[in-house]
Amino acid sequence: MPFSRLAFVIAAGLLAGACNTTSDLERRSADEARCRSYGFKPGAEGFAKCLLQLDLDRSADRRARYDYPYVQGPRGWGWNRGWW
């Protein structure tokens, strides 16, 4: 009985996690809506810069999340300490 409950909880968690993904088209439309809410007009240079900045921010967040072991350089903690 406890194994079936554990399997159910794991399956429910996987299903809930799968429902939380967004497609590229949904992300783009959300970014466009956000830039429009800032007052930028579609087709203008400011609108394009706003979209670019949102994309760059998302990339920086992704790098910060996945590059954690390399915080102090390519070899981890203690890199570039000197010869002593």
C-alpha atoms as a PDB file:
ATOM      1  CA  MET A   1       0.000   0.000   0.000  1.00  0.00           C
ATOM      2  CA  PRO A   2       2.702   2.618   0.810  1.00  0.00           C
ATOM      3  CA  PHE A   3       4.454   1.942  -2.529  1.00  0.00           C
ATOM      4  CA  SER A   4       1.306   2.724  -4.489  1.00  0.00           C
ATOM      5  CA  ARG A   5       0.924   6.021  -2.644  1.00  0.00           C
ATOM      6  CA  LEU A   6       4.538   6.906  -3.371  1.00  0.00           C
ATOM      7  CA  ALA A   7       4.071   6.037  -7.046  1.00  0.00           C
ATOM      8  CA  PHE A   8       0.930   8.171  -7.161  1.00  0.00           C
ATOM      9  CA  VAL A   9       2.678  11.163  -5.583  1.00  0.00           C
ATOM     10  CA  ILE A  10       5.606  10.861  -7.996  1.00  0.00           C
ATOM     11  CA  ALA A  11       3.288  10.555 -11.006  1.00  0.00           C
ATOM     12  CA  ALA A  12       1.227  13.547  -9.869  1.00  0.00           C
ATOM     13  CA  GLY A  13       4.400  15.611  -9.436  1.00  0.00           C
ATOM     14  CA  LEU A  14       5.632  14.719 -12.897  1.00  0.00           C
ATOM     15  CA  LEU A  15       2.300  15.598 -14.456  1.00  0.00           C
ATOM     16  CA  ALA A  16       2.161  18.924 -12.631  1.00  0.00           C
ATOM     17  CA  GLY A  17       5.706  19.737 -13.735  1.00  0.00           C
ATOM     18  CA  ALA A  18       4.953  18.904 -17.349  1.00  0.00           C
ATOM     19  CA  CYS A  19       2.018  21.305 -17.397  1.00  0.00           C
ATOM     20  CA  ASN A  20       4.214  24.235 -16.378  1.00  0.00           C
ATOM     21  CA  THR A  21       6.268  24.466 -19.585  1.00  0.00           C
ATOM     22  CA  THR A  22       5.781  27.300 -22.053  1.00  0.00           C
ATOM     23  CA  SER A  23       6.403  27.169 -25.767  1.00  0.00           C
ATOM     24  CA  ASP A  24       8.540  29.655 -27.655  1.00  0.00           C
ATOM     25  CA  LEU A  25       5.427  31.240 -29.160  1.00  0.00           C
ATOM     26  CA  GLU A  26       3.831  31.707 -25.724  1.00  0.00           C
ATOM     27  CA  ARG A  27       7.044  33.198 -24.345  1.00  0.00           C
ATOM     28  CA  ARG A  28       7.315  35.586 -27.308  1.00  0.00           C
ATOM     29  CA  SER A  29       3.724  36.760 -26.957  1.00  0.00           C
ATOM     30  CA  ALA A  30       4.216  37.292 -23.215  1.00  0.00           C
ATOM     31  CA  ASP A  31       7.373  39.319 -23.927  1.00  0.00           C
ATOM     32  CA  GLU A  32       5.543  41.412 -26.530  1.00  0.00           C
ATOM     33  CA  ALA A  33       2.694  42.067 -24.099  1.00  0.00           C
ATOM     34  CA  ARG A  34       5.191  43.100 -21.441  1.00  0.00           C
ATOM     35  CA  CYS A  35       6.954  45.546 -23.789  1.00  0.00           C
ATOM     36  CA  ARG A  36       3.595  46.970 -24.887  1.00  0.00           C
ATOM     37  CA  SER A  37       2.693  47.458 -21.229  1.00  0.00           C
ATOM     38  CA  TYR A  38       5.859  49.549 -20.866  1.00  0.00           C
ATOM     39  CA  GLY A  39       4.541  51.826 -23.617  1.00  0.00           C
ATOM     40  CA  PHE A  40       6.611  50.631 -26.578  1.00  0.00           C
ATOM     41  CA  LYS A  41       4.885  50.368 -29.950  1.00  0.00           C
ATOM     42  CA  PRO A  42       5.336  47.216 -32.059  1.00  0.00           C
ATOM     43  CA  GLY A  43       7.652  47.827 -34.991  1.00  0.00           C
ATOM     44  CA  ALA A  44       9.577  50.629 -33.266  1.00  0.00           C
ATOM     45  CA  GLU A  45      13.244  50.437 -32.343  1.00  0.00           C
ATOM     46  CA  GLY A  46      12.451  50.726 -28.638  1.00  0.00           C
ATOM     47  CA  PHE A  47      10.134  47.722 -28.879  1.00  0.00           C
ATOM     48  CA  ALA A  48      12.900  45.638 -30.456  1.00  0.00           C
ATOM     49  CA  LYS A  49      15.358  46.751 -27.773  1.00  0.00           C
ATOM     50  CA  CYS A  50      12.846  45.831 -25.074  1.00  0.00           C
ATOM     51  CA  LEU A  51      12.444  42.324 -26.540  1.00  0.00           C
ATOM     52  CA  LEU A  52      16.210  41.963 -26.788  1.00  0.00           C
ATOM     53  CA  GLN A  53      16.693  43.032 -23.179  1.00  0.00           C
ATOM     54  CA  LEU A  54      14.087  40.538 -21.951  1.00  0.00           C
ATOM     55  CA  ASP A  55      15.840  37.774 -23.886  1.00  0.00           C
ATOM     56  CA  LEU A  56      19.240  38.781 -22.519  1.00  0.00           C
ATOM     57  CA  ASP A  57      17.864  38.848 -18.971  1.00  0.00           C
ATOM     58  CA  ARG A  58      16.419  35.358 -19.443  1.00  0.00           C
ATOM     59  CA  SER A  59      19.767  34.092 -20.756  1.00  0.00           C
ATOM     60  CA  ALA A  60      21.635  35.631 -17.831  1.00  0.00           C
ATOM     61  CA  ASP A  61      19.240  33.999 -15.379  1.00  0.00           C
ATOM     62  CA  ARG A  62      19.733  30.649 -17.096  1.00  0.00           C
ATOM     63  CA  ARG A  63      23.530  30.995 -16.985  1.00  0.00           C
ATOM     64  CA  ALA A  64      23.450  31.989 -13.331  1.00  0.00           C
ATOM     65  CA  ARG A  65      21.345  28.972 -12.498  1.00  0.00           C
ATOM     66  CA  TYR A  66      23.342  26.354 -14.437  1.00  0.00           C
ATOM     67  CA  ASP A  67      26.919  27.682 -14.186  1.00  0.00           C
ATOM     68  CA  TYR A  68      27.004  27.684 -10.388  1.00  0.00           C
ATOM     69  CA  PRO A  69      30.049  25.365  -9.978  1.00  0.00           C
ATOM     70  CA  TYR A  70      32.108  27.786 -12.073  1.00  0.00           C
ATOM     71  CA  VAL A  71      31.503  30.840  -9.900  1.00  0.00           C
ATOM     72  CA  GLN A  72      35.203  31.400  -9.227  1.00  0.00           C
ATOM     73  CA  GLY A  73      36.519  30.326 -12.621  1.00  0.00           C
ATOM     74  CA  PRO A  74      36.641  27.234 -14.801  1.00  0.00           C
ATOM     75  CA  ARG A  75      38.178  25.009 -12.115  1.00  0.00           C
ATOM     76  CA  GLY A  76      35.835  25.855  -9.247  1.00  0.00           C
ATOM     77  CA  TRP A  77      36.661  27.301  -5.830  1.00  0.00           C
ATOM     78  CA  GLY A  78      40.225  28.346  -5.225  1.00  0.00           C
ATOM     79  CA  TRP A  79      41.034  29.093  -8.839  1.00  0.00           C
ATOM     80  CA  ASN A  80      43.541  31.924  -9.343  1.00  0.00           C
ATOM     81  CA  ARG A  81      44.935  31.892  -5.801  1.00  0.00           C
ATOM     82  CA  GLY A  82      48.559  32.309  -6.789  1.00  0.00           C
ATOM     83  CA  TRP A  83      51.552  30.048  -6.293  1.00  0.00           C
ATOM     84  CA  TRP A  84      51.607  29.878  -2.506  1.00  0.00           C
END
